[in-house]
Amino acid sequence: MNIQAIIAKLKQYPIAVGGVVFILVFGAAFFMRKSKAPELEGERVKLEKKWQDIVDNTREATDIATHMEKISEYSAETQSRLMVRESKALNQQYFYGLEEETGLSLTLLAQSDAPPPPRPPPGKPNLTLYSPVDFSVSVTGTFSEVLDFLYRLENGRYFTRIEGFSTSSTGGADTDQIQISLKMDILGQKIN
């Protein structure tokens, strides 16, 4: 059979040939689209999520200027409450002020000169914006004075984290004097 004979036979049955061509084109389009369906479904889900995020952001952004103002205030307050490692005299004056306010006596006050390690030891938070200032402090006083000191330390000007402590009695049976030794970190400005 030659090509001319095949074309002549196809011309005799135009509806059947058209139907077969239509089925082949439709089948190819169906399989091509079917292979893209999961990918397109995933894309649709992503776009719907993105649209929902935009709608949520628009709804939540009604007071964004006020929120930004509050965040700026909080940031400024946090910056004002950071200790400066190099200002040792001011740092020690803070503890002497606490000593005067509480009525106990400060027996040891030492600020570490060593900068914090680049990676904190296990169990300590990794501070990226701030730097801890290490202190060793020992105070002697009555139980209520020591509690007042700890309360003022916790709720004072600086952000304090007590690493460890030990207590002991300093007097005989007739006194209620105790001594507490603290190892602490105070949040400070980042060393560059």
N, C-alpha and C. Protein backbone atom coordinates (compact mmCIF):
# COMPACT_ATOMS: atom_id res chain seq x y z
N MET A 1 0.83 -1.17 0.00
CA MET A 1 0.00 0.00 0.00
C MET A 1 0.88 1.23 0.00
N ASN A 2 0.46 2.13 -0.80
CA ASN A 2 1.22 3.37 -0.84
C ASN A 2 0.45 4.46 -0.11
N ILE A 3 1.07 5.58 0.02
CA ILE A 3 0.51 6.70 0.79
C ILE A 3 -0.76 7.22 0.10
N GLN A 4 -0.77 7.26 -1.20
CA GLN A 4 -1.93 7.77 -1.93
C GLN A 4 -3.16 6.91 -1.66
N ALA A 5 -2.99 5.62 -1.57
CA ALA A 5 -4.12 4.72 -1.32
C ALA A 5 -4.65 4.92 0.08
N ILE A 6 -3.75 5.13 1.07
CA ILE A 6 -4.16 5.34 2.46
C ILE A 6 -4.95 6.64 2.56
N ILE A 7 -4.48 7.70 1.90
CA ILE A 7 -5.18 8.99 1.95
C ILE A 7 -6.54 8.86 1.28
N ALA A 8 -6.65 8.11 0.22
CA ALA A 8 -7.94 7.92 -0.45
C ALA A 8 -8.90 7.19 0.46
N LYS A 9 -8.44 6.16 1.20
CA LYS A 9 -9.30 5.43 2.14
C LYS A 9 -9.78 6.35 3.26
N LEU A 10 -8.86 7.21 3.77
CA LEU A 10 -9.24 8.13 4.86
C LEU A 10 -10.28 9.12 4.39
N LYS A 11 -10.20 9.52 3.11
CA LYS A 11 -11.18 10.47 2.57
C LYS A 11 -12.55 9.84 2.42
N GLN A 12 -12.62 8.54 2.32
CA GLN A 12 -13.90 7.85 2.20
C GLN A 12 -14.66 7.88 3.53
N TYR A 13 -13.94 7.94 4.67
CA TYR A 13 -14.57 7.91 6.00
C TYR A 13 -14.16 9.15 6.81
N PRO A 14 -14.60 10.35 6.43
CA PRO A 14 -14.15 11.57 7.12
C PRO A 14 -14.63 11.65 8.57
N ILE A 15 -15.83 11.19 8.86
CA ILE A 15 -16.37 11.28 10.23
C ILE A 15 -15.57 10.35 11.15
N ALA A 16 -15.29 9.17 10.72
CA ALA A 16 -14.54 8.22 11.54
C ALA A 16 -13.12 8.73 11.78
N VAL A 17 -12.49 9.27 10.74
CA VAL A 17 -11.14 9.81 10.88
C VAL A 17 -11.15 11.01 11.82
N GLY A 18 -12.13 11.91 11.64
CA GLY A 18 -12.26 13.07 12.52
C GLY A 18 -12.48 12.66 13.97
N GLY A 19 -13.31 11.63 14.18
CA GLY A 19 -13.57 11.13 15.53
C GLY A 19 -12.31 10.56 16.17
N VAL A 20 -11.53 9.78 15.40
CA VAL A 20 -10.29 9.20 15.93
C VAL A 20 -9.29 10.30 16.26
N VAL A 21 -9.16 11.28 15.36
CA VAL A 21 -8.25 12.41 15.62
C VAL A 21 -8.71 13.17 16.86
N PHE A 22 -10.02 13.41 16.98
CA PHE A 22 -10.56 14.12 18.15
C PHE A 22 -10.27 13.35 19.44
N ILE A 23 -10.48 12.03 19.39
CA ILE A 23 -10.23 11.20 20.58
C ILE A 23 -8.74 11.24 20.95
N LEU A 24 -7.87 11.17 19.95
CA LEU A 24 -6.43 11.23 20.22
C LEU A 24 -6.02 12.58 20.82
N VAL A 25 -6.53 13.67 20.24
CA VAL A 25 -6.19 15.01 20.75
C VAL A 25 -6.78 15.18 22.16
N PHE A 26 -8.03 14.79 22.34
CA PHE A 26 -8.66 14.91 23.65
C PHE A 26 -7.95 14.05 24.69
N GLY A 27 -7.57 12.83 24.34
CA GLY A 27 -6.85 11.94 25.26
C GLY A 27 -5.49 12.50 25.63
N ALA A 28 -4.77 13.04 24.65
CA ALA A 28 -3.46 13.63 24.94
C ALA A 28 -3.61 14.83 25.87
N ALA A 29 -4.59 15.68 25.60
CA ALA A 29 -4.82 16.86 26.45
C ALA A 29 -5.22 16.42 27.87
N PHE A 30 -6.06 15.38 27.96
CA PHE A 30 -6.49 14.90 29.27
C PHE A 30 -5.30 14.37 30.08
N PHE A 31 -4.46 13.56 29.46
CA PHE A 31 -3.31 13.00 30.18
C PHE A 31 -2.28 14.07 30.53
N MET A 32 -2.12 15.04 29.63
CA MET A 32 -1.18 16.13 29.95
C MET A 32 -1.72 16.96 31.12
N ARG A 33 -3.02 17.24 31.10
CA ARG A 33 -3.60 18.03 32.19
C ARG A 33 -3.63 17.22 33.48
N LYS A 34 -3.92 15.93 33.37
CA LYS A 34 -3.97 15.09 34.55
C LYS A 34 -2.61 15.02 35.24
N SER A 35 -1.54 15.00 34.51
CA SER A 35 -0.22 14.94 35.13
C SER A 35 0.10 16.26 35.84
N LYS A 36 -0.50 17.36 35.44
CA LYS A 36 -0.28 18.66 36.08
C LYS A 36 -1.27 18.92 37.22
N ALA A 37 -2.31 18.12 37.35
CA ALA A 37 -3.36 18.39 38.34
C ALA A 37 -2.83 18.43 39.77
N PRO A 38 -2.04 17.47 40.25
CA PRO A 38 -1.55 17.56 41.63
C PRO A 38 -0.66 18.79 41.86
N GLU A 39 0.16 19.10 40.86
CA GLU A 39 1.02 20.27 40.98
C GLU A 39 0.19 21.56 41.04
N LEU A 40 -0.83 21.62 40.17
CA LEU A 40 -1.70 22.80 40.17
C LEU A 40 -2.53 22.88 41.45
N GLU A 41 -2.93 21.74 41.99
CA GLU A 41 -3.68 21.72 43.25
C GLU A 41 -2.82 22.25 44.39
N GLY A 42 -1.54 21.82 44.43
CA GLY A 42 -0.62 22.33 45.44
C GLY A 42 -0.41 23.83 45.30
N GLU A 43 -0.29 24.30 44.08
CA GLU A 43 -0.13 25.74 43.82
C GLU A 43 -1.37 26.51 44.28
N ARG A 44 -2.56 25.92 44.03
CA ARG A 44 -3.80 26.56 44.45
C ARG A 44 -3.86 26.68 45.97
N VAL A 45 -3.45 25.62 46.68
CA VAL A 45 -3.45 25.65 48.14
C VAL A 45 -2.49 26.74 48.65
N LYS A 46 -1.30 26.83 48.04
CA LYS A 46 -0.34 27.87 48.44
C LYS A 46 -0.91 29.26 48.22
N LEU A 47 -1.54 29.47 47.07
CA LEU A 47 -2.11 30.79 46.78
C LEU A 47 -3.26 31.13 47.72
N GLU A 48 -4.08 30.14 48.06
CA GLU A 48 -5.16 30.39 49.02
C GLU A 48 -4.60 30.75 50.39
N LYS A 49 -3.53 30.07 50.82
CA LYS A 49 -2.89 30.39 52.11
C LYS A 49 -2.32 31.80 52.08
N LYS A 50 -1.65 32.14 50.97
CA LYS A 50 -1.09 33.48 50.84
C LYS A 50 -2.20 34.53 50.88
N TRP A 51 -3.29 34.26 50.21
CA TRP A 51 -4.42 35.19 50.21
C TRP A 51 -5.00 35.34 51.62
N GLN A 52 -5.13 34.23 52.33
CA GLN A 52 -5.65 34.28 53.70
C GLN A 52 -4.72 35.08 54.60
N ASP A 53 -3.39 34.94 54.42
CA ASP A 53 -2.42 35.73 55.19
C ASP A 53 -2.59 37.21 54.89
N ILE A 54 -2.80 37.54 53.63
CA ILE A 54 -3.00 38.95 53.26
C ILE A 54 -4.26 39.50 53.92
N VAL A 55 -5.34 38.72 53.89
CA VAL A 55 -6.60 39.15 54.52
C VAL A 55 -6.40 39.32 56.02
N ASP A 56 -5.72 38.35 56.66
CA ASP A 56 -5.47 38.45 58.11
C ASP A 56 -4.60 39.66 58.44
N ASN A 57 -3.56 39.89 57.66
CA ASN A 57 -2.69 41.05 57.90
C ASN A 57 -3.45 42.35 57.73
N THR A 58 -4.31 42.41 56.74
CA THR A 58 -5.10 43.62 56.52
C THR A 58 -6.03 43.87 57.70
N ARG A 59 -6.65 42.81 58.20
CA ARG A 59 -7.56 42.95 59.34
C ARG A 59 -6.80 43.35 60.61
N GLU A 60 -5.62 42.78 60.83
CA GLU A 60 -4.84 43.05 62.03
C GLU A 60 -4.07 44.37 61.96
N ALA A 61 -3.92 44.93 60.79
CA ALA A 61 -3.10 46.12 60.62
C ALA A 61 -3.87 47.42 60.85
N THR A 62 -5.02 47.33 61.46
CA THR A 62 -5.81 48.54 61.65
C THR A 62 -5.12 49.54 62.58
N ASP A 63 -4.45 49.06 63.62
CA ASP A 63 -3.77 49.95 64.57
C ASP A 63 -2.26 49.78 64.49
N ILE A 64 -1.74 49.56 63.32
CA ILE A 64 -0.31 49.26 63.20
C ILE A 64 0.57 50.43 63.65
N ALA A 65 0.14 51.65 63.41
CA ALA A 65 0.94 52.81 63.85
C ALA A 65 1.02 52.84 65.38
N THR A 66 -0.08 52.57 66.04
CA THR A 66 -0.08 52.53 67.51
C THR A 66 0.79 51.40 68.01
N HIS A 67 0.70 50.23 67.36
CA HIS A 67 1.51 49.09 67.78
C HIS A 67 3.00 49.38 67.59
N MET A 68 3.36 49.99 66.49
CA MET A 68 4.76 50.33 66.25
C MET A 68 5.26 51.34 67.28
N GLU A 69 4.41 52.25 67.66
CA GLU A 69 4.77 53.24 68.69
C GLU A 69 5.04 52.54 70.03
N LYS A 70 4.16 51.59 70.38
CA LYS A 70 4.34 50.85 71.63
C LYS A 70 5.62 50.01 71.59
N ILE A 71 5.88 49.38 70.45
CA ILE A 71 7.10 48.57 70.32
C ILE A 71 8.33 49.45 70.47
N SER A 72 8.30 50.63 69.89
CA SER A 72 9.42 51.56 70.03
C SER A 72 9.61 51.97 71.48
N GLU A 73 8.52 52.22 72.20
CA GLU A 73 8.61 52.56 73.62
C GLU A 73 9.21 51.41 74.43
N TYR A 74 8.74 50.18 74.16
CA TYR A 74 9.26 49.03 74.88
C TYR A 74 10.74 48.82 74.58
N SER A 75 11.12 49.02 73.33
CA SER A 75 12.53 48.88 72.95
C SER A 75 13.38 49.92 73.65
N ALA A 76 12.90 51.16 73.71
CA ALA A 76 13.65 52.21 74.40
C ALA A 76 13.76 51.90 75.89
N GLU A 77 12.69 51.39 76.49
CA GLU A 77 12.74 51.03 77.91
C GLU A 77 13.74 49.90 78.15
N THR A 78 13.74 48.90 77.27
CA THR A 78 14.68 47.79 77.40
C THR A 78 16.11 48.30 77.27
N GLN A 79 16.38 49.16 76.31
CA GLN A 79 17.72 49.71 76.13
C GLN A 79 18.17 50.49 77.36
N SER A 80 17.23 51.21 77.99
CA SER A 80 17.60 51.99 79.17
C SER A 80 17.89 51.10 80.39
N ARG A 81 17.41 49.86 80.36
CA ARG A 81 17.61 48.95 81.48
C ARG A 81 18.78 48.00 81.29
N LEU A 82 19.59 48.22 80.26
CA LEU A 82 20.76 47.37 80.03
C LEU A 82 21.96 47.93 80.78
N MET A 83 22.73 47.03 81.36
CA MET A 83 23.94 47.43 82.08
C MET A 83 25.09 47.60 81.08
N VAL A 84 25.96 48.54 81.35
CA VAL A 84 27.13 48.78 80.50
C VAL A 84 28.32 48.14 81.20
N ARG A 85 28.92 47.14 80.57
CA ARG A 85 30.02 46.38 81.17
C ARG A 85 31.18 47.28 81.57
N GLU A 86 31.50 48.28 80.76
CA GLU A 86 32.66 49.13 81.01
C GLU A 86 32.45 50.12 82.15
N SER A 87 31.21 50.36 82.56
CA SER A 87 30.91 51.31 83.64
C SER A 87 30.88 50.59 84.98
N LYS A 88 32.02 50.10 85.41
CA LYS A 88 32.09 49.32 86.64
C LYS A 88 31.65 50.12 87.87
N ALA A 89 32.04 51.38 87.93
CA ALA A 89 31.69 52.19 89.10
C ALA A 89 30.17 52.35 89.21
N LEU A 90 29.51 52.62 88.09
CA LEU A 90 28.04 52.75 88.12
C LEU A 90 27.37 51.41 88.44
N ASN A 91 27.94 50.34 87.91
CA ASN A 91 27.38 49.02 88.18
C ASN A 91 27.48 48.69 89.67
N GLN A 92 28.63 48.98 90.27
CA GLN A 92 28.79 48.71 91.70
C GLN A 92 27.92 49.64 92.53
N GLN A 93 27.73 50.85 92.06
CA GLN A 93 26.89 51.80 92.79
C GLN A 93 25.45 51.29 92.88
N TYR A 94 25.01 50.57 91.88
CA TYR A 94 23.66 49.98 91.91
C TYR A 94 23.53 49.05 93.11
N PHE A 95 24.53 48.20 93.31
CA PHE A 95 24.48 47.26 94.43
C PHE A 95 24.64 47.97 95.77
N TYR A 96 25.46 49.02 95.81
CA TYR A 96 25.59 49.78 97.06
C TYR A 96 24.28 50.49 97.40
N GLY A 97 23.56 50.93 96.38
CA GLY A 97 22.24 51.51 96.60
C GLY A 97 21.27 50.50 97.19
N LEU A 98 21.31 49.27 96.67
CA LEU A 98 20.46 48.21 97.22
C LEU A 98 20.85 47.90 98.67
N GLU A 99 22.14 47.94 98.95
CA GLU A 99 22.62 47.71 100.32
C GLU A 99 22.05 48.77 101.26
N GLU A 100 22.07 50.01 100.82
CA GLU A 100 21.57 51.10 101.65
C GLU A 100 20.06 51.01 101.83
N GLU A 101 19.34 50.66 100.78
CA GLU A 101 17.88 50.58 100.85
C GLU A 101 17.40 49.44 101.75
N THR A 102 18.12 48.33 101.75
CA THR A 102 17.67 47.17 102.49
C THR A 102 18.24 47.08 103.90
N GLY A 103 19.34 47.73 104.18
CA GLY A 103 19.92 47.71 105.51
C GLY A 103 20.86 46.55 105.77
N LEU A 104 21.15 45.74 104.80
CA LEU A 104 22.10 44.66 105.02
C LEU A 104 23.49 45.12 104.65
N SER A 105 24.48 44.26 104.84
CA SER A 105 25.85 44.66 104.48
C SER A 105 26.36 43.78 103.34
N LEU A 106 27.01 44.44 102.41
CA LEU A 106 27.58 43.79 101.23
C LEU A 106 28.98 43.33 101.60
N THR A 107 29.21 42.01 101.60
CA THR A 107 30.53 41.50 101.99
C THR A 107 31.41 41.17 100.79
N LEU A 108 30.81 40.95 99.64
CA LEU A 108 31.58 40.68 98.42
C LEU A 108 30.82 41.23 97.23
N LEU A 109 31.53 41.95 96.38
CA LEU A 109 30.94 42.45 95.14
C LEU A 109 32.03 42.41 94.08
N ALA A 110 31.88 41.52 93.10
CA ALA A 110 32.89 41.38 92.06
C ALA A 110 32.22 41.24 90.71
N GLN A 111 32.62 42.10 89.78
CA GLN A 111 32.15 42.01 88.40
C GLN A 111 33.24 41.34 87.58
N SER A 112 32.86 40.36 86.80
CA SER A 112 33.83 39.64 85.97
C SER A 112 34.32 40.54 84.84
N ASP A 113 35.63 40.54 84.62
CA ASP A 113 36.20 41.32 83.52
C ASP A 113 36.17 40.54 82.21
N ALA A 114 36.03 39.25 82.29
CA ALA A 114 36.07 38.42 81.08
C ALA A 114 34.79 38.61 80.27
N PRO A 115 34.95 38.84 78.96
CA PRO A 115 33.75 38.94 78.13
C PRO A 115 33.09 37.56 78.01
N PRO A 116 31.81 37.53 77.73
CA PRO A 116 31.14 36.24 77.61
C PRO A 116 31.68 35.47 76.40
N PRO A 117 31.64 34.14 76.48
CA PRO A 117 32.13 33.34 75.35
C PRO A 117 31.21 33.54 74.13
N PRO A 118 31.75 33.34 72.93
CA PRO A 118 30.91 33.52 71.74
C PRO A 118 29.73 32.56 71.70
N ARG A 119 29.93 31.36 72.22
CA ARG A 119 28.83 30.40 72.32
C ARG A 119 28.58 30.13 73.79
N PRO A 120 27.36 30.31 74.27
CA PRO A 120 27.10 30.08 75.69
C PRO A 120 27.19 28.60 76.05
N PRO A 121 27.52 28.33 77.31
CA PRO A 121 27.56 26.93 77.74
C PRO A 121 26.17 26.32 77.68
N PRO A 122 26.09 24.99 77.69
CA PRO A 122 24.77 24.33 77.66
C PRO A 122 23.91 24.78 78.83
N GLY A 123 22.64 25.00 78.54
CA GLY A 123 21.70 25.42 79.57
C GLY A 123 21.53 26.92 79.66
N LYS A 124 22.41 27.68 79.03
CA LYS A 124 22.28 29.14 79.03
C LYS A 124 21.71 29.58 77.69
N PRO A 125 20.90 30.64 77.71
CA PRO A 125 20.33 31.11 76.44
C PRO A 125 21.39 31.74 75.55
N ASN A 126 21.20 31.62 74.25
CA ASN A 126 22.10 32.24 73.29
C ASN A 126 21.58 33.65 73.01
N LEU A 127 22.23 34.64 73.60
CA LEU A 127 21.80 36.03 73.45
C LEU A 127 22.49 36.62 72.23
N THR A 128 21.70 37.11 71.28
CA THR A 128 22.29 37.69 70.08
C THR A 128 22.28 39.21 70.11
N LEU A 129 21.33 39.81 70.82
CA LEU A 129 21.22 41.26 70.86
C LEU A 129 21.85 41.87 72.12
N TYR A 130 22.05 41.04 73.14
CA TYR A 130 22.55 41.53 74.41
C TYR A 130 23.71 40.67 74.87
N SER A 131 24.35 41.10 75.95
CA SER A 131 25.51 40.38 76.48
C SER A 131 25.38 40.32 78.01
N PRO A 132 25.54 39.14 78.62
CA PRO A 132 25.43 39.07 80.08
C PRO A 132 26.68 39.63 80.77
N VAL A 133 26.46 40.29 81.90
CA VAL A 133 27.55 40.79 82.74
C VAL A 133 27.53 39.94 84.01
N ASP A 134 28.61 39.21 84.26
CA ASP A 134 28.69 38.28 85.40
C ASP A 134 29.06 39.02 86.68
N PHE A 135 28.36 38.67 87.78
CA PHE A 135 28.64 39.23 89.10
C PHE A 135 28.68 38.11 90.13
N SER A 136 29.52 38.30 91.13
CA SER A 136 29.51 37.49 92.35
C SER A 136 29.23 38.45 93.49
N VAL A 137 28.18 38.15 94.26
CA VAL A 137 27.74 39.05 95.32
C VAL A 137 27.48 38.22 96.57
N SER A 138 27.94 38.72 97.71
CA SER A 138 27.61 38.12 99.01
C SER A 138 27.08 39.23 99.90
N VAL A 139 25.98 38.94 100.59
CA VAL A 139 25.39 39.90 101.52
C VAL A 139 25.11 39.21 102.84
N THR A 140 25.14 40.02 103.92
CA THR A 140 24.84 39.52 105.25
C THR A 140 23.77 40.41 105.86
N GLY A 141 22.78 39.78 106.45
CA GLY A 141 21.70 40.55 107.09
C GLY A 141 20.68 39.61 107.68
N THR A 142 19.61 40.19 108.17
CA THR A 142 18.54 39.34 108.69
C THR A 142 17.82 38.68 107.53
N PHE A 143 17.01 37.69 107.87
CA PHE A 143 16.28 36.96 106.83
C PHE A 143 15.40 37.91 106.02
N SER A 144 14.69 38.80 106.70
CA SER A 144 13.79 39.73 105.99
C SER A 144 14.60 40.72 105.13
N GLU A 145 15.77 41.15 105.60
CA GLU A 145 16.60 42.05 104.80
C GLU A 145 17.11 41.35 103.54
N VAL A 146 17.51 40.09 103.68
CA VAL A 146 17.99 39.33 102.52
C VAL A 146 16.85 39.12 101.53
N LEU A 147 15.66 38.80 102.03
CA LEU A 147 14.52 38.65 101.12
C LEU A 147 14.19 39.96 100.42
N ASP A 148 14.26 41.07 101.15
CA ASP A 148 14.02 42.38 100.55
C ASP A 148 15.06 42.67 99.47
N PHE A 149 16.33 42.32 99.75
CA PHE A 149 17.39 42.51 98.77
C PHE A 149 17.11 41.70 97.51
N LEU A 150 16.74 40.44 97.67
CA LEU A 150 16.45 39.58 96.51
C LEU A 150 15.25 40.10 95.72
N TYR A 151 14.24 40.58 96.45
CA TYR A 151 13.07 41.14 95.77
C TYR A 151 13.44 42.37 94.96
N ARG A 152 14.22 43.26 95.55
CA ARG A 152 14.64 44.48 94.85
C ARG A 152 15.57 44.16 93.68
N LEU A 153 16.36 43.12 93.84
CA LEU A 153 17.24 42.70 92.76
C LEU A 153 16.42 42.16 91.58
N GLU A 154 15.42 41.37 91.90
CA GLU A 154 14.57 40.79 90.85
C GLU A 154 13.71 41.84 90.16
N ASN A 155 13.20 42.79 90.89
CA ASN A 155 12.29 43.79 90.35
C ASN A 155 12.95 45.16 90.17
N GLY A 156 14.25 45.19 90.15
CA GLY A 156 14.98 46.45 90.07
C GLY A 156 15.15 46.96 88.65
N ARG A 157 16.11 47.84 88.53
CA ARG A 157 16.35 48.53 87.27
C ARG A 157 16.84 47.58 86.17
N TYR A 158 17.69 46.62 86.53
CA TYR A 158 18.31 45.74 85.54
C TYR A 158 17.62 44.38 85.48
N PHE A 159 17.78 43.71 84.35
CA PHE A 159 17.26 42.37 84.16
C PHE A 159 18.31 41.39 84.74
N THR A 160 17.93 40.67 85.80
CA THR A 160 18.87 39.84 86.53
C THR A 160 18.50 38.37 86.42
N ARG A 161 19.52 37.53 86.29
CA ARG A 161 19.32 36.08 86.27
C ARG A 161 20.30 35.48 87.26
N ILE A 162 19.79 34.86 88.31
CA ILE A 162 20.64 34.25 89.33
C ILE A 162 21.00 32.84 88.87
N GLU A 163 22.31 32.61 88.74
CA GLU A 163 22.82 31.33 88.28
C GLU A 163 22.88 30.31 89.41
N GLY A 164 23.25 30.76 90.58
CA GLY A 164 23.36 29.87 91.72
C GLY A 164 23.53 30.67 92.99
N PHE A 165 23.26 30.04 94.11
CA PHE A 165 23.41 30.73 95.39
C PHE A 165 23.69 29.72 96.48
N SER A 166 24.22 30.23 97.58
CA SER A 166 24.41 29.42 98.77
C SER A 166 24.11 30.30 99.97
N THR A 167 23.59 29.70 101.02
CA THR A 167 23.27 30.45 102.24
C THR A 167 23.94 29.79 103.42
N SER A 168 24.17 30.61 104.44
CA SER A 168 24.73 30.08 105.69
C SER A 168 24.35 31.04 106.82
N SER A 169 24.39 30.51 108.01
CA SER A 169 24.14 31.32 109.19
C SER A 169 25.46 31.93 109.63
N THR A 170 25.46 33.21 109.99
CA THR A 170 26.72 33.87 110.34
C THR A 170 26.89 34.08 111.83
N GLY A 171 25.81 34.08 112.58
CA GLY A 171 25.92 34.40 114.00
C GLY A 171 25.72 33.18 114.86
N GLY A 172 25.76 33.42 116.15
CA GLY A 172 25.52 32.35 117.11
C GLY A 172 24.03 32.11 117.25
N ALA A 173 23.66 31.55 118.39
CA ALA A 173 22.27 31.20 118.64
C ALA A 173 21.42 32.43 118.88
N ASP A 174 22.02 33.56 119.33
CA ASP A 174 21.21 34.73 119.67
C ASP A 174 20.96 35.66 118.50
N THR A 175 21.60 35.47 117.34
CA THR A 175 21.37 36.37 116.20
C THR A 175 20.69 35.60 115.08
N ASP A 176 19.95 36.35 114.31
CA ASP A 176 19.30 35.73 113.15
C ASP A 176 19.95 36.22 111.85
N GLN A 177 21.23 36.47 111.88
CA GLN A 177 21.97 36.93 110.70
C GLN A 177 22.26 35.74 109.78
N ILE A 178 22.03 35.95 108.49
CA ILE A 178 22.39 34.94 107.50
C ILE A 178 23.22 35.60 106.41
N GLN A 179 23.95 34.78 105.71
CA GLN A 179 24.75 35.26 104.59
C GLN A 179 24.30 34.50 103.35
N ILE A 180 24.16 35.21 102.25
CA ILE A 180 23.82 34.58 100.99
C ILE A 180 24.83 35.02 99.94
N SER A 181 25.35 34.04 99.21
CA SER A 181 26.31 34.31 98.14
C SER A 181 25.62 33.99 96.82
N LEU A 182 25.68 34.93 95.90
CA LEU A 182 24.98 34.79 94.63
C LEU A 182 25.97 34.84 93.47
N LYS A 183 25.72 34.03 92.47
CA LYS A 183 26.41 34.10 91.18
C LYS A 183 25.32 34.46 90.19
N MET A 184 25.47 35.63 89.53
CA MET A 184 24.37 36.09 88.68
C MET A 184 24.86 36.73 87.39
N ASP A 185 23.95 36.79 86.45
CA ASP A 185 24.15 37.50 85.19
C ASP A 185 23.17 38.65 85.16
N ILE A 186 23.66 39.79 84.71
CA ILE A 186 22.77 40.94 84.48
C ILE A 186 22.84 41.25 82.99
N LEU A 187 21.67 41.46 82.39
CA LEU A 187 21.62 41.71 80.96
C LEU A 187 22.27 43.03 80.64
N GLY A 188 23.22 43.01 79.71
CA GLY A 188 23.98 44.21 79.37
C GLY A 188 23.99 44.45 77.87
N GLN A 189 24.58 45.57 77.52
CA GLN A 189 24.70 45.93 76.11
C GLN A 189 25.66 44.98 75.41
N LYS A 190 25.37 44.69 74.16
CA LYS A 190 26.19 43.77 73.38
C LYS A 190 27.56 44.36 73.12
N ILE A 191 28.57 43.53 73.30
CA ILE A 191 29.94 43.93 73.03
C ILE A 191 30.20 43.71 71.54
N ASN A 192 30.65 44.73 70.87
CA ASN A 192 30.90 44.58 69.42
C ASN A 192 32.34 44.27 69.15
